[in-house]
Amino acid sequence: MKVSGIILIIAGIVMILIPGFFVQTEKKVVDIGPVEINKKENRWIGWPTYAGGIVVVAGVVLLVSGKKRE
Protein backbone atom coordinates (compact mmCIF):
# COMPACT_ATOMS: atom_id res chain seq x y z
CA MET A 1 0.00 0.00 0.00
CA LYS A 2 2.83 2.35 0.86
CA VAL A 3 4.57 1.85 -2.49
CA SER A 4 1.29 2.25 -4.42
CA GLY A 5 0.59 5.50 -2.58
CA ILE A 6 4.02 6.92 -3.42
CA ILE A 7 3.65 5.91 -7.09
CA LEU A 8 0.23 7.59 -7.27
CA ILE A 9 1.57 10.77 -5.67
CA ILE A 10 4.44 10.96 -8.17
CA ALA A 11 2.11 10.21 -11.11
CA GLY A 12 -0.33 12.89 -9.95
CA ILE A 13 2.41 15.51 -9.68
CA VAL A 14 3.59 14.62 -13.20
CA MET A 15 0.00 14.91 -14.46
CA ILE A 16 -0.27 18.38 -12.94
CA LEU A 17 3.04 19.55 -14.42
CA ILE A 18 2.56 17.97 -17.88
CA PRO A 19 -1.03 18.42 -19.08
CA GLY A 20 -0.69 15.97 -21.99
CA PHE A 21 1.38 14.95 -24.99
CA PHE A 22 1.24 14.62 -28.78
CA VAL A 23 1.14 11.28 -30.57
CA GLN A 24 1.95 11.06 -34.27
CA THR A 25 -0.26 8.72 -36.29
CA GLU A 26 0.07 7.72 -39.92
CA LYS A 27 -3.02 7.36 -42.08
CA LYS A 28 -3.13 5.73 -45.53
CA VAL A 29 -4.77 8.16 -47.98
CA VAL A 30 -4.21 6.46 -51.35
CA ASP A 31 -3.06 2.93 -52.17
CA ILE A 32 -3.03 2.26 -55.91
CA GLY A 33 -0.74 -0.67 -56.70
CA PRO A 34 2.86 0.39 -56.10
CA VAL A 35 1.83 4.00 -55.33
CA GLU A 36 1.04 4.67 -51.70
CA ILE A 37 0.35 8.08 -50.12
CA ASN A 38 0.33 8.43 -46.35
CA LYS A 39 -0.66 11.35 -44.17
CA LYS A 40 0.91 12.02 -40.77
CA GLU A 41 -1.29 13.57 -38.11
CA ASN A 42 -0.45 14.86 -34.65
CA ARG A 43 -3.06 14.02 -32.03
CA TRP A 44 -3.20 15.60 -28.59
CA ILE A 45 -3.80 13.28 -25.67
CA GLY A 46 -4.49 15.33 -22.59
CA TRP A 47 -6.16 15.23 -19.23
CA PRO A 48 -7.63 17.92 -17.01
CA THR A 49 -5.43 19.38 -14.28
CA TYR A 50 -7.85 18.33 -11.55
CA ALA A 51 -7.32 14.68 -12.54
CA GLY A 52 -3.72 15.00 -11.34
CA GLY A 53 -4.97 16.45 -8.08
CA ILE A 54 -7.38 13.55 -7.62
CA VAL A 55 -4.55 11.06 -8.21
CA VAL A 56 -2.36 12.85 -5.64
CA VAL A 57 -5.17 12.79 -3.07
CA ALA A 58 -5.75 9.07 -3.73
CA GLY A 59 -2.03 8.44 -3.20
CA VAL A 60 -2.04 10.35 0.09
CA VAL A 61 -5.08 8.37 1.26
CA LEU A 62 -3.34 5.09 0.44
CA LEU A 63 -0.17 6.25 2.17
CA VAL A 64 -2.01 7.34 5.33
CA SER A 65 -4.21 4.22 5.45
CA GLY A 66 -1.12 2.04 5.02
CA LYS A 67 0.51 3.67 8.06
CA LYS A 68 -2.57 3.15 10.22
CA ARG A 69 -2.54 -0.61 9.55
CA GLU A 70 1.07 -1.01 10.70
PDB file of N, CA and C in Angstrom:
ATOM      1  N   MET A   1       0.818  -1.188   0.000  1.00  0.00           N
ATOM      2  CA  MET A   1       0.000   0.000   0.000  1.00  0.00           C
ATOM      3  C   MET A   1       0.865   1.255   0.000  1.00  0.00           C
ATOM      4  N   LYS A   2       1.952   1.195   0.743  1.00  0.00           N
ATOM      5  CA  LYS A   2       2.829   2.349   0.857  1.00  0.00           C
ATOM      6  C   LYS A   2       3.464   2.681  -0.500  1.00  0.00           C
ATOM      7  N   VAL A   3       3.928   1.646  -1.195  1.00  0.00           N
ATOM      8  CA  VAL A   3       4.573   1.854  -2.493  1.00  0.00           C
ATOM      9  C   VAL A   3       3.550   2.358  -3.513  1.00  0.00           C
ATOM     10  N   SER A   4       2.342   1.805  -3.493  1.00  0.00           N
ATOM     11  CA  SER A   4       1.289   2.246  -4.416  1.00  0.00           C
ATOM     12  C   SER A   4       0.938   3.713  -4.171  1.00  0.00           C
ATOM     13  N   GLY A   5       0.881   4.116  -2.918  1.00  0.00           N
ATOM     14  CA  GLY A   5       0.589   5.503  -2.584  1.00  0.00           C
ATOM     15  C   GLY A   5       1.657   6.449  -3.102  1.00  0.00           C
ATOM     16  N   ILE A   6       2.911   6.071  -2.936  1.00  0.00           N
ATOM     17  CA  ILE A   6       4.016   6.917  -3.415  1.00  0.00           C
ATOM     18  C   ILE A   6       3.985   7.016  -4.936  1.00  0.00           C
ATOM     19  N   ILE A   7       3.718   5.901  -5.618  1.00  0.00           N
ATOM     20  CA  ILE A   7       3.650   5.913  -7.087  1.00  0.00           C
ATOM     21  C   ILE A   7       2.508   6.807  -7.556  1.00  0.00           C
ATOM     22  N   LEU A   8       1.353   6.742  -6.892  1.00  0.00           N
ATOM     23  CA  LEU A   8       0.227   7.593  -7.271  1.00  0.00           C
ATOM     24  C   LEU A   8       0.528   9.071  -7.028  1.00  0.00           C
ATOM     25  N   ILE A   9       1.207   9.376  -5.951  1.00  0.00           N
ATOM     26  CA  ILE A   9       1.570  10.774  -5.673  1.00  0.00           C
ATOM     27  C   ILE A   9       2.498  11.305  -6.761  1.00  0.00           C
ATOM     28  N   ILE A  10       3.495  10.536  -7.126  1.00  0.00           N
ATOM     29  CA  ILE A  10       4.441  10.960  -8.171  1.00  0.00           C
ATOM     30  C   ILE A  10       3.721  11.105  -9.510  1.00  0.00           C
ATOM     31  N   ALA A  11       2.852  10.138  -9.842  1.00  0.00           N
ATOM     32  CA  ALA A  11       2.111  10.209 -11.110  1.00  0.00           C
ATOM     33  C   ALA A  11       1.193  11.421 -11.129  1.00  0.00           C
ATOM     34  N   GLY A  12       0.551  11.725 -10.012  1.00  0.00           N
ATOM     35  CA  GLY A  12      -0.326  12.888  -9.947  1.00  0.00           C
ATOM     36  C   GLY A  12       0.423  14.192 -10.130  1.00  0.00           C
ATOM     37  N   ILE A  13       1.594  14.299  -9.526  1.00  0.00           N
ATOM     38  CA  ILE A  13       2.409  15.515  -9.685  1.00  0.00           C
ATOM     39  C   ILE A  13       2.837  15.679 -11.137  1.00  0.00           C
ATOM     40  N   VAL A  14       3.217  14.569 -11.784  1.00  0.00           N
ATOM     41  CA  VAL A  14       3.592  14.624 -13.202  1.00  0.00           C
ATOM     42  C   VAL A  14       2.396  15.043 -14.044  1.00  0.00           C
ATOM     43  N   MET A  15       1.208  14.531 -13.717  1.00  0.00           N
ATOM     44  CA  MET A  15       0.004  14.906 -14.462  1.00  0.00           C
ATOM     45  C   MET A  15      -0.323  16.382 -14.309  1.00  0.00           C
ATOM     46  N   ILE A  16      -0.032  16.951 -13.151  1.00  0.00           N
ATOM     47  CA  ILE A  16      -0.274  18.378 -12.944  1.00  0.00           C
ATOM     48  C   ILE A  16       0.735  19.207 -13.736  1.00  0.00           C
ATOM     49  N   LEU A  17       1.988  18.787 -13.743  1.00  0.00           N
ATOM     50  CA  LEU A  17       3.038  19.550 -14.418  1.00  0.00           C
ATOM     51  C   LEU A  17       2.983  19.411 -15.938  1.00  0.00           C
ATOM     52  N   ILE A  18       2.613  18.226 -16.439  1.00  0.00           N
ATOM     53  CA  ILE A  18       2.564  17.971 -17.882  1.00  0.00           C
ATOM     54  C   ILE A  18       1.107  17.669 -18.237  1.00  0.00           C
ATOM     55  N   PRO A  19       0.402  18.606 -18.850  1.00  0.00           N
ATOM     56  CA  PRO A  19      -1.029  18.420 -19.085  1.00  0.00           C
ATOM     57  C   PRO A  19      -1.388  17.453 -20.219  1.00  0.00           C
ATOM     58  N   GLY A  20      -0.416  16.908 -20.909  1.00  0.00           N
ATOM     59  CA  GLY A  20      -0.692  15.966 -21.990  1.00  0.00           C
ATOM     60  C   GLY A  20       0.510  15.830 -22.904  1.00  0.00           C
ATOM     61  N   PHE A  21       0.293  15.140 -24.032  1.00  0.00           N
ATOM     62  CA  PHE A  21       1.381  14.947 -24.988  1.00  0.00           C
ATOM     63  C   PHE A  21       0.795  14.697 -26.372  1.00  0.00           C
ATOM     64  N   PHE A  22       1.637  14.861 -27.393  1.00  0.00           N
ATOM     65  CA  PHE A  22       1.239  14.620 -28.776  1.00  0.00           C
ATOM     66  C   PHE A  22       1.672  13.222 -29.189  1.00  0.00           C
ATOM     67  N   VAL A  23       0.822  12.579 -29.996  1.00  0.00           N
ATOM     68  CA  VAL A  23       1.140  11.280 -30.572  1.00  0.00           C
ATOM     69  C   VAL A  23       0.996  11.417 -32.080  1.00  0.00           C
ATOM     70  N   GLN A  24       2.000  10.965 -32.815  1.00  0.00           N
ATOM     71  CA  GLN A  24       1.949  11.060 -34.268  1.00  0.00           C
ATOM     72  C   GLN A  24       1.393   9.763 -34.840  1.00  0.00           C
ATOM     73  N   THR A  25       0.338   9.884 -35.645  1.00  0.00           N
ATOM     74  CA  THR A  25      -0.263   8.724 -36.293  1.00  0.00           C
ATOM     75  C   THR A  25      -0.115   8.863 -37.792  1.00  0.00           C
ATOM     76  N   GLU A  26      -0.059   7.727 -38.470  1.00  0.00           N
ATOM     77  CA  GLU A  26       0.072   7.724 -39.920  1.00  0.00           C
ATOM     78  C   GLU A  26      -1.179   7.096 -40.517  1.00  0.00           C
ATOM     79  N   LYS A  27      -1.767   7.794 -41.475  1.00  0.00           N
ATOM     80  CA  LYS A  27      -3.016   7.359 -42.078  1.00  0.00           C
ATOM     81  C   LYS A  27      -2.796   7.145 -43.573  1.00  0.00           C
ATOM     82  N   LYS A  28      -3.266   6.010 -44.100  1.00  0.00           N
ATOM     83  CA  LYS A  28      -3.132   5.734 -45.525  1.00  0.00           C
ATOM     84  C   LYS A  28      -4.226   6.484 -46.272  1.00  0.00           C
ATOM     85  N   VAL A  29      -3.820   7.354 -47.219  1.00  0.00           N
ATOM     86  CA  VAL A  29      -4.770   8.157 -47.977  1.00  0.00           C
ATOM     87  C   VAL A  29      -5.087   7.483 -49.304  1.00  0.00           C
ATOM     88  N   VAL A  30      -4.040   7.086 -50.042  1.00  0.00           N
ATOM     89  CA  VAL A  30      -4.212   6.457 -51.353  1.00  0.00           C
ATOM     90  C   VAL A  30      -3.303   5.241 -51.436  1.00  0.00           C
ATOM     91  N   ASP A  31      -3.858   4.140 -51.955  1.00  0.00           N
ATOM     92  CA  ASP A  31      -3.059   2.928 -52.167  1.00  0.00           C
ATOM     93  C   ASP A  31      -3.471   2.332 -53.511  1.00  0.00           C
ATOM     94  N   ILE A  32      -2.740   2.731 -54.560  1.00  0.00           N
ATOM     95  CA  ILE A  32      -3.029   2.257 -55.913  1.00  0.00           C
ATOM     96  C   ILE A  32      -1.811   1.478 -56.401  1.00  0.00           C
ATOM     97  N   GLY A  33      -1.850   0.176 -56.258  1.00  0.00           N
ATOM     98  CA  GLY A  33      -0.737  -0.666 -56.702  1.00  0.00           C
ATOM     99  C   GLY A  33       0.538  -0.296 -55.977  1.00  0.00           C
ATOM    100  N   PRO A  34       1.587   0.047 -56.737  1.00  0.00           N
ATOM    101  CA  PRO A  34       2.860   0.388 -56.096  1.00  0.00           C
ATOM    102  C   PRO A  34       2.894   1.812 -55.521  1.00  0.00           C
ATOM    103  N   VAL A  35       1.870   2.620 -55.823  1.00  0.00           N
ATOM    104  CA  VAL A  35       1.827   3.998 -55.335  1.00  0.00           C
ATOM    105  C   VAL A  35       1.048   4.034 -54.021  1.00  0.00           C
ATOM    106  N   GLU A  36       1.684   4.575 -53.010  1.00  0.00           N
ATOM    107  CA  GLU A  36       1.040   4.673 -51.697  1.00  0.00           C
ATOM    108  C   GLU A  36       1.293   6.062 -51.128  1.00  0.00           C
ATOM    109  N   ILE A  37       0.232   6.737 -50.705  1.00  0.00           N
ATOM    110  CA  ILE A  37       0.353   8.075 -50.121  1.00  0.00           C
ATOM    111  C   ILE A  37      -0.168   8.005 -48.691  1.00  0.00           C
ATOM    112  N   ASN A  38       0.685   8.431 -47.768  1.00  0.00           N
ATOM    113  CA  ASN A  38       0.329   8.428 -46.351  1.00  0.00           C
ATOM    114  C   ASN A  38       0.285   9.855 -45.824  1.00  0.00           C
ATOM    115  N   LYS A  39      -0.541  10.044 -44.810  1.00  0.00           N
ATOM    116  CA  LYS A  39      -0.658  11.355 -44.174  1.00  0.00           C
ATOM    117  C   LYS A  39      -0.328  11.197 -42.696  1.00  0.00           C
ATOM    118  N   LYS A  40       0.551  12.049 -42.193  1.00  0.00           N
ATOM    119  CA  LYS A  40       0.905  12.021 -40.772  1.00  0.00           C
ATOM    120  C   LYS A  40       0.097  13.078 -40.033  1.00  0.00           C
ATOM    121  N   GLU A  41      -0.494  12.662 -38.922  1.00  0.00           N
ATOM    122  CA  GLU A  41      -1.289  13.575 -38.109  1.00  0.00           C
ATOM    123  C   GLU A  41      -0.768  13.583 -36.685  1.00  0.00           C
ATOM    124  N   ASN A  42      -0.780  14.748 -36.070  1.00  0.00           N
ATOM    125  CA  ASN A  42      -0.448  14.857 -34.651  1.00  0.00           C
ATOM    126  C   ASN A  42      -1.741  14.918 -33.864  1.00  0.00           C
ATOM    127  N   ARG A  43      -1.876  14.050 -32.885  1.00  0.00           N
ATOM    128  CA  ARG A  43      -3.062  14.025 -32.034  1.00  0.00           C
ATOM    129  C   ARG A  43      -2.652  14.361 -30.610  1.00  0.00           C
ATOM    130  N   TRP A  44      -3.447  15.192 -29.970  1.00  0.00           N
ATOM    131  CA  TRP A  44      -3.199  15.603 -28.588  1.00  0.00           C
ATOM    132  C   TRP A  44      -3.929  14.661 -27.648  1.00  0.00           C
ATOM    133  N   ILE A  45      -3.202  14.086 -26.724  1.00  0.00           N
ATOM    134  CA  ILE A  45      -3.803  13.276 -25.667  1.00  0.00           C
ATOM    135  C   ILE A  45      -3.562  14.038 -24.371  1.00  0.00           C
ATOM    136  N   GLY A  46      -4.624  14.513 -23.783  1.00  0.00           N
ATOM    137  CA  GLY A  46      -4.491  15.330 -22.587  1.00  0.00           C
ATOM    138  C   GLY A  46      -5.479  14.929 -21.517  1.00  0.00           C
ATOM    139  N   TRP A  47      -5.277  15.471 -20.357  1.00  0.00           N
ATOM    140  CA  TRP A  47      -6.163  15.225 -19.227  1.00  0.00           C
ATOM    141  C   TRP A  47      -6.313  16.534 -18.468  1.00  0.00           C
ATOM    142  N   PRO A  48      -7.434  16.693 -17.777  1.00  0.00           N
ATOM    143  CA  PRO A  48      -7.626  17.924 -17.013  1.00  0.00           C
ATOM    144  C   PRO A  48      -6.682  17.984 -15.815  1.00  0.00           C
ATOM    145  N   THR A  49      -6.358  19.187 -15.391  1.00  0.00           N
ATOM    146  CA  THR A  49      -5.430  19.379 -14.285  1.00  0.00           C
ATOM    147  C   THR A  49      -5.968  18.778 -12.993  1.00  0.00           C
ATOM    148  N   TYR A  50      -7.291  18.869 -12.790  1.00  0.00           N
ATOM    149  CA  TYR A  50      -7.849  18.334 -11.548  1.00  0.00           C
ATOM    150  C   TYR A  50      -7.708  16.817 -11.457  1.00  0.00           C
ATOM    151  N   ALA A  51      -7.538  16.134 -12.582  1.00  0.00           N
ATOM    152  CA  ALA A  51      -7.323  14.682 -12.539  1.00  0.00           C
ATOM    153  C   ALA A  51      -6.006  14.363 -11.822  1.00  0.00           C
ATOM    154  N   GLY A  52      -4.979  15.170 -12.058  1.00  0.00           N
ATOM    155  CA  GLY A  52      -3.718  14.997 -11.345  1.00  0.00           C
ATOM    156  C   GLY A  52      -3.884  15.212  -9.856  1.00  0.00           C
ATOM    157  N   GLY A  53      -4.697  16.203  -9.490  1.00  0.00           N
ATOM    158  CA  GLY A  53      -4.970  16.450  -8.076  1.00  0.00           C
ATOM    159  C   GLY A  53      -5.701  15.285  -7.430  1.00  0.00           C
ATOM    160  N   ILE A  54      -6.640  14.701  -8.145  1.00  0.00           N
ATOM    161  CA  ILE A  54      -7.375  13.549  -7.618  1.00  0.00           C
ATOM    162  C   ILE A  54      -6.439  12.366  -7.406  1.00  0.00           C
ATOM    163  N   VAL A  55      -5.516  12.158  -8.341  1.00  0.00           N
ATOM    164  CA  VAL A  55      -4.555  11.055  -8.215  1.00  0.00           C
ATOM    165  C   VAL A  55      -3.635  11.286  -7.015  1.00  0.00           C
ATOM    166  N   VAL A  56      -3.212  12.541  -6.798  1.00  0.00           N
ATOM    167  CA  VAL A  56      -2.362  12.849  -5.639  1.00  0.00           C
ATOM    168  C   VAL A  56      -3.119  12.580  -4.344  1.00  0.00           C
ATOM    169  N   VAL A  57      -4.373  13.018  -4.275  1.00  0.00           N
ATOM    170  CA  VAL A  57      -5.173  12.794  -3.073  1.00  0.00           C
ATOM    171  C   VAL A  57      -5.359  11.287  -2.829  1.00  0.00           C
ATOM    172  N   ALA A  58      -5.602  10.527  -3.879  1.00  0.00           N
ATOM    173  CA  ALA A  58      -5.746   9.072  -3.726  1.00  0.00           C
ATOM    174  C   ALA A  58      -4.453   8.454  -3.208  1.00  0.00           C
ATOM    175  N   GLY A  59      -3.309   8.941  -3.681  1.00  0.00           N
ATOM    176  CA  GLY A  59      -2.026   8.442  -3.201  1.00  0.00           C
ATOM    177  C   GLY A  59      -1.797   8.764  -1.736  1.00  0.00           C
ATOM    178  N   VAL A  60      -2.185   9.963  -1.325  1.00  0.00           N
ATOM    179  CA  VAL A  60      -2.042  10.351   0.088  1.00  0.00           C
ATOM    180  C   VAL A  60      -2.944   9.483   0.962  1.00  0.00           C
ATOM    181  N   VAL A  61      -4.166   9.224   0.498  1.00  0.00           N
ATOM    182  CA  VAL A  61      -5.085   8.373   1.256  1.00  0.00           C
ATOM    183  C   VAL A  61      -4.510   6.970   1.408  1.00  0.00           C
ATOM    184  N   LEU A  62      -3.963   6.414   0.340  1.00  0.00           N
ATOM    185  CA  LEU A  62      -3.337   5.087   0.437  1.00  0.00           C
ATOM    186  C   LEU A  62      -2.139   5.104   1.385  1.00  0.00           C
ATOM    187  N   LEU A  63      -1.353   6.155   1.315  1.00  0.00           N
ATOM    188  CA  LEU A  63      -0.173   6.248   2.170  1.00  0.00           C
ATOM    189  C   LEU A  63      -0.574   6.349   3.639  1.00  0.00           C
ATOM    190  N   VAL A  64      -1.557   7.160   3.955  1.00  0.00           N
ATOM    191  CA  VAL A  64      -2.010   7.337   5.334  1.00  0.00           C
ATOM    192  C   VAL A  64      -2.688   6.060   5.849  1.00  0.00           C
ATOM    193  N   SER A  65      -3.529   5.435   5.012  1.00  0.00           N
ATOM    194  CA  SER A  65      -4.209   4.216   5.454  1.00  0.00           C
ATOM    195  C   SER A  65      -3.224   3.064   5.627  1.00  0.00           C
ATOM    196  N   GLY A  66      -2.148   3.074   4.867  1.00  0.00           N
ATOM    197  CA  GLY A  66      -1.124   2.042   5.015  1.00  0.00           C
ATOM    198  C   GLY A  66      -0.367   2.201   6.326  1.00  0.00           C
ATOM    199  N   LYS A  67      -0.174   3.426   6.791  1.00  0.00           N
ATOM    200  CA  LYS A  67       0.513   3.672   8.057  1.00  0.00           C
ATOM    201  C   LYS A  67      -0.359   3.297   9.249  1.00  0.00           C
ATOM    202  N   LYS A  68      -1.668   3.483   9.122  1.00  0.00           N
ATOM    203  CA  LYS A  68      -2.570   3.153  10.218  1.00  0.00           C
ATOM    204  C   LYS A  68      -2.638   1.642  10.467  1.00  0.00           C
ATOM    205  N   ARG A  69      -2.470   0.846   9.419  1.00  0.00           N
ATOM    206  CA  ARG A  69      -2.540  -0.609   9.555  1.00  0.00           C
ATOM    207  C   ARG A  69      -1.308  -1.180  10.246  1.00  0.00           C
ATOM    208  N   GLU A  70      -0.186  -0.493  10.124  1.00  0.00           N
ATOM    209  CA  GLU A  70       1.066  -1.010  10.704  1.00  0.00           C
ATOM    210  C   GLU A  70       1.088  -0.832  12.149  1.00  0.00           C
TER     211      GLU A  70
END
